[in-house]
Protein backbone atom coordinates (compact mmCIF):
# COMPACT_ATOMS: atom_id res chain seq x y z
CA MET A 1 151.71 88.11 -168.92
CA ILE A 2 154.28 86.52 -166.70
CA VAL A 3 154.97 89.86 -165.09
CA LEU A 4 151.29 90.47 -164.57
CA LEU A 5 150.91 87.00 -163.12
CA MET A 6 153.76 87.54 -160.73
CA PHE A 7 152.31 90.88 -159.75
CA ALA A 8 148.94 89.31 -159.09
CA LEU A 9 150.44 86.55 -157.00
CA GLY A 10 152.40 89.08 -154.92
CA TYR A 11 149.30 91.23 -154.35
CA ALA A 12 147.29 88.17 -153.30
CA TYR A 13 149.94 87.21 -150.76
CA ILE A 14 150.01 90.69 -149.31
CA ALA A 15 146.25 90.83 -149.17
CA GLN A 16 146.08 87.48 -147.40
CA ASN A 17 148.69 88.60 -144.87
CA ASP A 18 146.77 91.83 -144.16
CA ALA A 19 143.57 89.84 -143.69
CA SER A 20 145.30 87.60 -141.18
CA ILE A 21 146.53 90.63 -139.27
CA ALA A 22 143.06 92.16 -139.36
CA ASP A 23 141.53 88.94 -138.02
CA ARG A 24 143.95 88.88 -135.13
CA ALA A 25 143.23 92.55 -134.39
CA MET A 26 139.50 91.84 -134.44
CA VAL A 27 139.89 88.94 -132.00
CA THR A 28 141.93 91.14 -129.69
CA ALA A 29 139.32 93.93 -129.92
CA GLN A 30 136.54 91.50 -129.11
CA GLN A 31 138.41 90.22 -126.07
CA GLU A 32 139.01 93.77 -124.85
CA LYS A 33 135.32 94.55 -125.40
CA MET A 34 134.29 91.50 -123.40
CA ALA A 35 136.63 92.56 -120.56
CA ALA A 36 135.26 96.10 -120.70
CA ASP A 37 131.70 94.81 -120.72
CA LYS A 38 132.50 92.60 -117.68
CA LEU A 39 134.05 95.57 -115.85
CA TYR A 40 131.06 97.78 -116.73
CA GLU A 41 128.63 95.09 -115.61
CA ASP A 42 130.49 94.65 -112.27
CA SER A 43 130.66 98.43 -111.76
CA SER A 44 126.99 98.87 -112.63
CA LYS A 45 126.00 96.12 -110.19
CA THR A 46 128.06 97.74 -107.43
CA ILE A 47 126.53 101.16 -108.15
CA ALA A 48 123.05 99.65 -108.37
CA ASP A 49 123.51 97.87 -105.03
CA ARG A 50 124.65 101.13 -103.41
CA SER A 51 121.79 103.05 -105.02
CA LYS A 52 119.35 100.49 -103.72
CA ILE A 53 120.67 100.90 -100.17
CA LEU A 54 120.90 104.73 -100.34
CA GLY A 55 117.58 104.98 -102.16
CA PHE A 56 118.32 108.04 -104.27
CA THR A 57 117.04 106.55 -107.62
CA THR A 58 113.89 104.86 -108.84
CA ASP A 59 115.54 102.37 -111.22
CA PHE A 60 118.26 100.49 -109.33
CA ALA A 61 119.13 98.30 -112.32
CA THR A 62 120.18 101.01 -114.76
CA ILE A 63 120.30 104.43 -113.08
CA PRO A 64 122.90 105.26 -110.40
CA SER A 65 122.15 107.36 -107.33
CA SER A 66 121.71 111.09 -107.83
CA VAL A 67 124.47 113.05 -106.12
CA GLU A 68 122.26 116.15 -105.99
CA ALA A 69 119.45 114.13 -104.36
CA ALA A 70 121.92 112.69 -101.85
CA GLU A 71 123.24 116.15 -100.95
CA ALA A 72 119.70 117.51 -100.60
CA SER A 73 118.73 114.58 -98.39
CA LEU A 74 121.80 115.12 -96.20
CA GLU A 75 120.88 118.81 -95.79
CA ASN A 76 117.31 117.84 -94.89
CA ALA A 77 118.63 115.36 -92.34
CA LYS A 78 120.87 118.05 -90.81
CA ALA A 79 117.90 120.43 -90.66
CA THR A 80 115.83 117.73 -88.96
CA PHE A 81 118.63 116.95 -86.48
CA PRO A 82 120.23 120.36 -85.74
CA ASP A 83 122.78 118.87 -83.32
CA MET A 84 124.77 117.15 -86.15
CA GLY A 85 126.88 120.30 -86.58
CA GLY A 86 129.34 120.21 -89.51
CA VAL A 87 128.71 116.58 -90.64
CA THR A 88 129.31 116.24 -94.43
CA THR A 89 128.73 112.50 -95.11
CA PHE A 90 125.98 110.02 -94.46
CA GLU A 91 128.57 107.75 -92.79
CA ALA A 92 129.15 110.45 -90.16
CA ALA A 93 125.49 111.54 -90.08
CA ILE A 94 123.99 108.11 -89.32
CA PRO A 95 125.42 107.84 -85.73
CA GLU A 96 124.30 111.39 -84.95
CA MET A 97 120.83 110.73 -86.31
CA THR A 98 120.72 107.45 -84.35
CA LYS A 99 121.69 109.28 -81.14
CA ALA A 100 119.08 111.99 -81.74
CA TYR A 101 116.45 109.40 -82.57
CA GLN A 102 117.18 107.45 -79.38
CA ALA A 103 116.89 110.72 -77.39
CA LYS A 104 113.53 111.38 -79.02
CA VAL A 105 112.44 107.81 -78.27
CA ALA A 106 113.38 108.32 -74.61
CA GLN A 107 111.54 111.66 -74.55
CA ILE A 108 108.48 110.05 -76.13
CA GLY A 109 108.66 107.34 -73.48
CA GLU A 110 108.62 109.94 -70.71
CA LEU A 111 105.74 111.72 -72.41
CA GLN A 112 103.84 108.45 -72.67
CA LYS A 113 104.37 107.90 -68.92
CA THR A 114 103.11 111.44 -68.26
CA ILE A 115 100.12 110.81 -70.53
CA ALA A 116 99.38 107.61 -68.65
CA THR A 117 99.54 109.48 -65.32
CA LEU A 118 97.33 112.26 -66.63
CA THR A 119 94.93 109.69 -68.04
CA GLU A 120 94.59 108.13 -64.59
CA GLN A 121 94.03 111.56 -63.09
CA VAL A 122 91.37 112.33 -65.67
CA LYS A 123 89.68 109.00 -64.89
CA ALA A 124 89.75 109.84 -61.19
CA GLU A 125 88.39 113.34 -61.80
CA ARG A 126 85.67 111.98 -64.06
CA SER A 127 84.75 109.50 -61.36
CA ALA A 128 84.63 112.29 -58.76
CA LYS A 129 82.64 114.48 -61.14
CA SER A 130 80.19 111.64 -61.74
CA GLU A 131 79.79 111.24 -57.98
CA LEU A 132 79.21 114.98 -57.59
CA GLU A 133 76.70 114.90 -60.44
CA GLY A 134 74.84 112.17 -58.58
CA GLN A 135 74.85 114.19 -55.37
CA LYS A 136 73.73 117.30 -57.29
CA ASN A 137 70.87 115.39 -58.89
CA GLU A 138 69.79 114.11 -55.47
CA ILE A 139 69.85 117.65 -54.06
CA ILE A 140 67.93 118.98 -57.07
CA ALA A 141 65.36 116.24 -56.66
CA THR A 142 65.00 117.05 -52.95
CA LEU A 143 64.71 120.79 -53.61
CA THR A 144 62.21 120.17 -56.41
CA GLN A 145 60.08 118.13 -54.03
CA GLU A 146 60.38 120.81 -51.34
CA LYS A 147 59.39 123.45 -53.93
CA THR A 148 56.36 121.39 -54.91
CA ASP A 149 55.37 120.95 -51.26
CA LEU A 150 55.85 124.67 -50.63
CA GLU A 151 53.76 125.58 -53.67
CA ASP A 152 50.98 123.28 -52.44
CA SER A 153 51.22 124.85 -49.00
CA LEU A 154 51.14 128.36 -50.48
CA LYS A 155 48.11 127.47 -52.58
CA SER A 156 46.31 126.28 -49.46
CA GLU A 157 47.34 129.44 -47.58
CA ILE A 158 46.22 131.65 -50.49
CA THR A 159 42.86 129.88 -50.51
CA ARG A 160 42.54 130.43 -46.77
CA LEU A 161 43.48 134.11 -47.06
CA GLU A 162 41.09 134.62 -49.95
CA THR A 163 38.32 133.12 -47.83
CA ALA A 164 39.26 135.34 -44.89
CA SER A 165 39.44 138.36 -47.21
CA SER A 166 35.99 137.56 -48.55
CA GLU A 167 34.67 137.41 -45.01
CA GLN A 168 36.30 140.75 -44.20
CA ARG A 169 34.78 142.29 -47.31
CA SER A 170 31.39 141.00 -46.22
CA LYS A 171 31.90 142.59 -42.81
CA LEU A 172 33.04 145.81 -44.43
CA GLU A 173 29.92 145.94 -46.59
CA SER A 174 27.74 145.44 -43.52
CA LYS A 175 29.28 148.25 -41.47
CA THR A 176 26.88 150.44 -39.49
CA ASP A 177 25.87 154.01 -40.26
CA GLU A 178 28.32 155.12 -37.57
CA VAL A 179 31.29 153.79 -39.55
CA VAL A 180 29.97 155.45 -42.70
CA GLN A 181 29.76 158.71 -40.79
CA VAL A 182 33.35 158.24 -39.59
CA ARG A 183 34.47 157.82 -43.17
CA ASP A 184 32.73 161.04 -44.11
CA GLU A 185 34.49 162.79 -41.24
CA VAL A 186 37.83 161.33 -42.42
CA ARG A 187 37.31 162.70 -45.92
CA LEU A 188 36.40 166.08 -44.52
CA SER A 189 39.43 166.01 -42.22
CA ALA A 190 41.78 165.62 -45.20
CA ARG A 191 40.61 168.94 -46.58
CA ALA A 192 40.77 170.50 -43.13
CA LEU A 193 44.34 169.23 -42.77
CA GLU A 194 45.46 171.14 -45.86
CA GLU A 195 43.92 174.33 -44.49
CA SER A 196 45.45 173.65 -41.07
CA GLN A 197 48.93 173.11 -42.53
CA LYS A 198 48.73 176.40 -44.42
CA ALA A 199 47.66 178.20 -41.24
CA MET A 200 50.36 176.57 -39.09
CA SER A 201 53.15 177.38 -41.58
CA SER A 202 52.39 181.12 -41.21
CA THR A 203 52.42 181.16 -37.39
CA LYS A 204 55.47 180.68 -35.14
CA ALA A 205 56.13 181.65 -31.56
CA ASN A 206 59.10 181.29 -29.24
CA TYR A 207 58.38 179.73 -25.86
CA THR A 208 60.95 178.47 -23.32
CA ARG A 209 60.74 174.72 -22.77
CA LYS A 210 63.22 173.25 -20.25
CA LEU A 211 63.97 169.66 -19.36
CA ASN A 212 61.70 169.75 -16.31
CA ASP A 213 58.78 170.93 -18.47
CA ILE A 214 59.42 168.09 -20.91
CA THR A 215 59.58 165.58 -18.06
CA LYS A 216 56.25 166.83 -16.70
CA ARG A 217 54.77 166.75 -20.20
CA SER A 218 55.91 163.19 -20.77
CA GLU A 219 53.87 162.12 -17.75
CA LYS A 220 50.73 163.76 -19.14
CA PRO A 221 48.96 162.04 -22.06
CA ASP A 222 48.51 163.92 -25.32
CA GLY A 223 45.08 162.41 -25.87
CA GLU A 224 43.12 159.20 -25.68
CA ILE A 225 41.54 156.49 -27.78
CA SER A 226 37.87 157.40 -28.35
CA ALA A 227 36.89 154.27 -30.27
CA VAL A 228 38.49 151.07 -31.59
CA LEU A 229 37.56 149.17 -34.75
CA SER A 230 39.54 146.03 -33.90
CA ALA A 231 38.49 144.13 -37.02
CA TYR A 232 40.29 146.71 -39.17
CA ASP A 233 43.11 147.73 -36.82
CA MET A 234 41.63 151.24 -36.82
CA GLY A 235 40.86 153.68 -34.03
CA ILE A 236 39.58 157.17 -33.32
CA ILE A 237 41.48 159.66 -31.10
CA ASN A 238 40.23 162.88 -29.53
CA LEU A 239 42.82 165.08 -31.30
CA LYS A 240 41.94 167.12 -34.36
CA ALA A 241 43.35 169.52 -36.93
CA SER A 242 43.26 172.51 -34.57
CA ASP A 243 45.56 170.55 -32.21
CA ARG A 244 48.38 170.85 -34.79
CA LEU A 245 48.00 167.17 -35.71
CA SER A 246 49.52 165.82 -38.93
CA GLU A 247 49.28 162.53 -40.80
CA GLY A 248 52.17 160.22 -40.00
CA ILE A 249 52.61 161.22 -36.33
CA VAL A 250 53.01 158.09 -34.18
CA PHE A 251 51.79 157.84 -30.58
CA ASN A 252 52.59 155.21 -27.95
CA ILE A 253 49.37 153.67 -26.58
CA VAL A 254 49.35 153.18 -22.78
CA SER A 255 46.64 151.64 -20.65
CA GLY A 256 44.06 154.12 -19.42
CA GLN A 257 43.92 152.44 -16.01
CA PRO A 258 45.01 154.64 -13.06
CA GLY A 259 48.71 154.26 -12.27
CA ALA A 260 49.64 152.81 -15.67
CA ASP A 261 53.35 153.17 -16.55
CA PRO A 262 53.81 155.42 -19.64
CA SER A 263 57.13 153.67 -20.37
CA LYS A 264 55.33 150.38 -21.04
CA PRO A 265 53.16 150.93 -24.14
CA LYS A 266 50.54 148.43 -25.26
CA GLY A 267 51.08 149.33 -28.90
CA LYS A 268 51.36 152.24 -31.32
CA ALA A 269 48.93 154.44 -33.25
CA ARG A 270 49.81 156.27 -36.47
CA VAL A 271 47.60 159.16 -37.60
CA THR A 272 46.14 158.37 -41.01
CA ASN A 273 43.47 161.07 -41.34
CA VAL A 274 42.99 164.33 -39.43
CA GLY A 275 39.45 165.65 -38.93
CA THR A 276 37.92 168.82 -37.53
CA LYS A 277 36.42 166.99 -34.53
CA PHE A 278 38.47 163.81 -34.21
CA SER A 279 41.10 161.90 -36.17
CA GLU A 280 41.58 158.36 -37.47
CA VAL A 281 44.62 156.26 -36.56
CA GLU A 282 46.12 152.93 -37.59
CA ILE A 283 46.82 150.65 -34.60
CA PHE A 284 49.94 148.47 -34.93
CA ASP A 285 52.73 146.73 -32.98
CA VAL A 286 50.27 145.64 -30.27
CA VAL A 287 52.29 143.78 -27.61
CA ASP A 288 49.52 141.46 -26.35
CA PRO A 289 46.45 141.70 -28.59
CA LEU A 290 44.60 138.96 -26.66
CA GLY A 291 45.62 139.68 -23.08
CA GLN A 292 45.85 143.48 -23.29
CA PRO A 293 44.10 144.72 -26.43
CA VAL A 294 43.81 148.40 -27.25
CA VAL A 295 40.46 149.64 -25.91
CA GLN A 296 38.50 152.85 -25.63
CA GLY A 297 39.94 155.11 -22.95
CA ASP A 298 43.60 154.14 -23.46
CA LYS A 299 46.00 157.10 -23.43
CA ILE A 300 48.38 158.21 -26.20
CA TYR A 301 51.85 159.76 -25.78
CA ASN A 302 54.43 161.40 -28.08
CA ALA A 303 57.43 163.12 -26.48
CA LEU A 304 57.81 165.54 -29.41
CA TYR A 305 54.18 166.40 -30.03
CA GLU A 306 52.96 169.78 -28.73
CA PRO A 307 49.34 170.68 -29.61
CA LYS A 308 49.49 174.37 -28.65
CA GLY A 309 52.86 175.99 -27.92
CA GLU A 310 56.21 175.77 -29.67
CA ARG A 311 59.58 174.35 -28.67
CA ASN A 312 63.09 174.80 -30.01
CA ALA A 313 65.58 172.25 -31.35
CA VAL A 314 69.11 172.22 -32.79
CA PHE A 315 70.52 169.64 -35.22
CA ALA A 316 73.99 168.11 -34.74
CA GLY A 317 75.75 165.53 -36.95
CA ASN A 318 74.72 163.97 -40.27
CA ILE A 319 70.92 163.79 -40.58
CA THR A 320 69.94 160.83 -42.80
CA GLY A 321 67.29 158.12 -42.83
CA SER A 322 63.59 158.07 -43.72
CA TYR A 323 63.61 161.90 -43.58
CA ASN A 324 66.47 164.12 -44.68
CA LYS A 325 67.20 167.44 -42.94
CA PRO A 326 64.93 169.64 -45.14
CA GLU A 327 62.05 167.19 -44.66
CA LEU A 328 62.56 167.16 -40.89
CA LEU A 329 62.59 170.97 -40.86
CA LEU A 330 59.19 171.02 -42.54
CA LEU A 331 57.88 168.25 -40.29
CA PHE A 332 59.06 169.99 -37.11
CA GLU A 333 57.48 173.21 -38.32
CA GLU A 334 54.14 171.42 -38.69
CA ILE A 335 54.19 170.09 -35.10
CA GLY A 336 55.43 173.29 -33.50
CA ILE A 337 59.16 172.63 -33.11
CA ASN A 338 61.32 175.59 -34.18
CA VAL A 339 64.79 174.60 -35.47
CA GLN A 340 67.51 177.02 -34.31
CA ASN A 341 70.88 177.62 -35.95
CA GLU A 342 72.75 177.46 -32.64
CA LEU A 343 72.19 176.41 -29.03
CA SER A 344 70.67 178.95 -26.62
CA ASN A 345 68.90 179.13 -23.26
CA THR A 346 65.60 178.57 -25.09
CA THR A 347 66.69 175.28 -26.73
CA ASP A 348 64.65 172.25 -25.64
CA PHE A 349 66.15 169.46 -27.81
CA LEU A 350 69.49 168.58 -29.42
CA ILE A 351 68.69 166.22 -32.31
CA VAL A 352 71.82 164.08 -32.88
CA GLY A 353 72.46 162.38 -36.25
CA GLY A 354 75.27 160.13 -37.53
CA PRO A 355 79.01 160.73 -38.13
CA MET A 356 80.03 163.64 -40.36
CA PHE A 357 82.22 162.86 -43.38
CA VAL A 358 82.73 166.45 -44.68
CA ASP A 359 83.55 169.73 -42.93
CA GLU A 360 81.53 172.93 -43.01
CA GLU A 361 83.07 173.86 -46.40
CA GLY A 362 82.09 170.49 -47.85
CA GLU A 363 85.66 169.14 -47.94
CA PRO A 364 86.08 165.41 -47.13
CA LEU A 365 87.43 164.61 -43.67
CA GLU A 366 90.30 162.16 -43.19
CA GLU A 367 88.32 160.43 -40.42
CA PRO A 368 84.55 160.62 -39.69
CA LEU A 369 83.69 163.21 -37.01
CA GLN A 370 81.35 161.85 -34.32
CA PRO A 371 78.59 164.22 -33.08
CA GLU A 372 79.73 163.61 -29.48
CA SER A 373 82.98 165.40 -30.38
CA LEU A 374 81.21 168.61 -31.42
CA PRO A 375 81.26 171.62 -29.01
CA VAL A 376 77.48 171.94 -29.28
CA TYR A 377 77.09 168.47 -27.77
CA THR A 378 79.11 169.40 -24.66
CA GLU A 379 77.27 172.72 -24.38
CA ALA A 380 73.91 170.91 -24.51
CA ILE A 381 74.97 168.67 -21.61
CA ASP A 382 76.09 171.69 -19.57
CA LYS A 383 72.78 173.50 -20.15
CA GLY A 384 70.62 170.49 -19.41
CA VAL A 385 69.18 170.31 -22.95
CA THR A 386 67.45 167.03 -23.79
CA ILE A 387 69.57 165.04 -26.29
CA ILE A 388 67.61 162.78 -28.65
CA PRO A 389 69.15 160.59 -31.40
CA VAL A 390 67.50 161.18 -34.77
CA ARG A 391 66.54 157.48 -34.94
CA ASP A 392 64.40 158.00 -31.80
CA VAL A 393 62.82 161.09 -33.34
CA LEU A 394 61.86 159.15 -36.48
CA GLN A 395 60.00 156.50 -34.47
CA TYR A 396 57.33 159.14 -33.82
CA PHE A 397 56.78 159.68 -37.54
CA ARG A 398 56.21 157.11 -40.25
CA ARG A 399 55.95 157.73 -43.95
């Protein structure tokens, strides 16, 4: 029992000593934990403060900045500011980004100045445009008023003309039996003209007509005015189908008084209908209808018209205008002018057209060839052939 008691006392002492050691170890561990907690808290606050400034986390109190997010942001910044080159840290990147930003700010400032200048220009242009719009509206208003006035004037003139036309129709309805007879003769002359043209196309003769003969002929009238219907600008001449007369032939009208100058016509007469006894003409281009009207007995002249015989002509140059060359050939045939292929001693006229643009083979010429440069033109002058421009020929015929 004593031994057991001694053993129990010894074990109790050892156990108490171990407990004391354990208590001291626990106190030391607690102190170390408190120091570690303080260090962790200080480190966490520092990291949180940096994370808050850098902004790479959403919870600054507990979660530190993401390194991957920081690296991605740095790469994005370098892509946004290409001039940063090989920068690897935000500390080095900030000055470069600041410099680039300031450059952009300066550029934006210049652009804003440019925008301000352009804005002023736009304002000025808008003001000018507004002024022009006002002027345009004034002009439109003036023209609109002028148009209205003109329309009113035209309406009045139309009314006047309709009244005059009604009066003319009344006069036409009251024409005498003589005018009715003339109309019948005109209708008959149209049929006679067709027969006459067929007969003339089958007959041709070659007579020599020199310049002197033409000069003498030009002094002798081809016919005279037999009657004048002044109200209708119509007249009757003493030429007929058997005189080789065709519709469209134009005569100069000269006074029938003795000594009248054939070169000073009073007006012109165009054949409108050819009859078997007389023909109807349209009277136009009267020089002085009040002072010197066309009257019965006035003489008519046409330098190309020949009622009986035939004359010869040669074409030179480019024949164009109201009649082309084939049409003129047919027309000359109807009035007794024979068209020759080349100049001869029997040629009366050289009909001269415009410049030639192709040669005889139809090839284009480098420069237009004037008819005056052709050998036939010089030959016509040497032989005394009358030279007539085609424009003068066409004045004696009207479509």
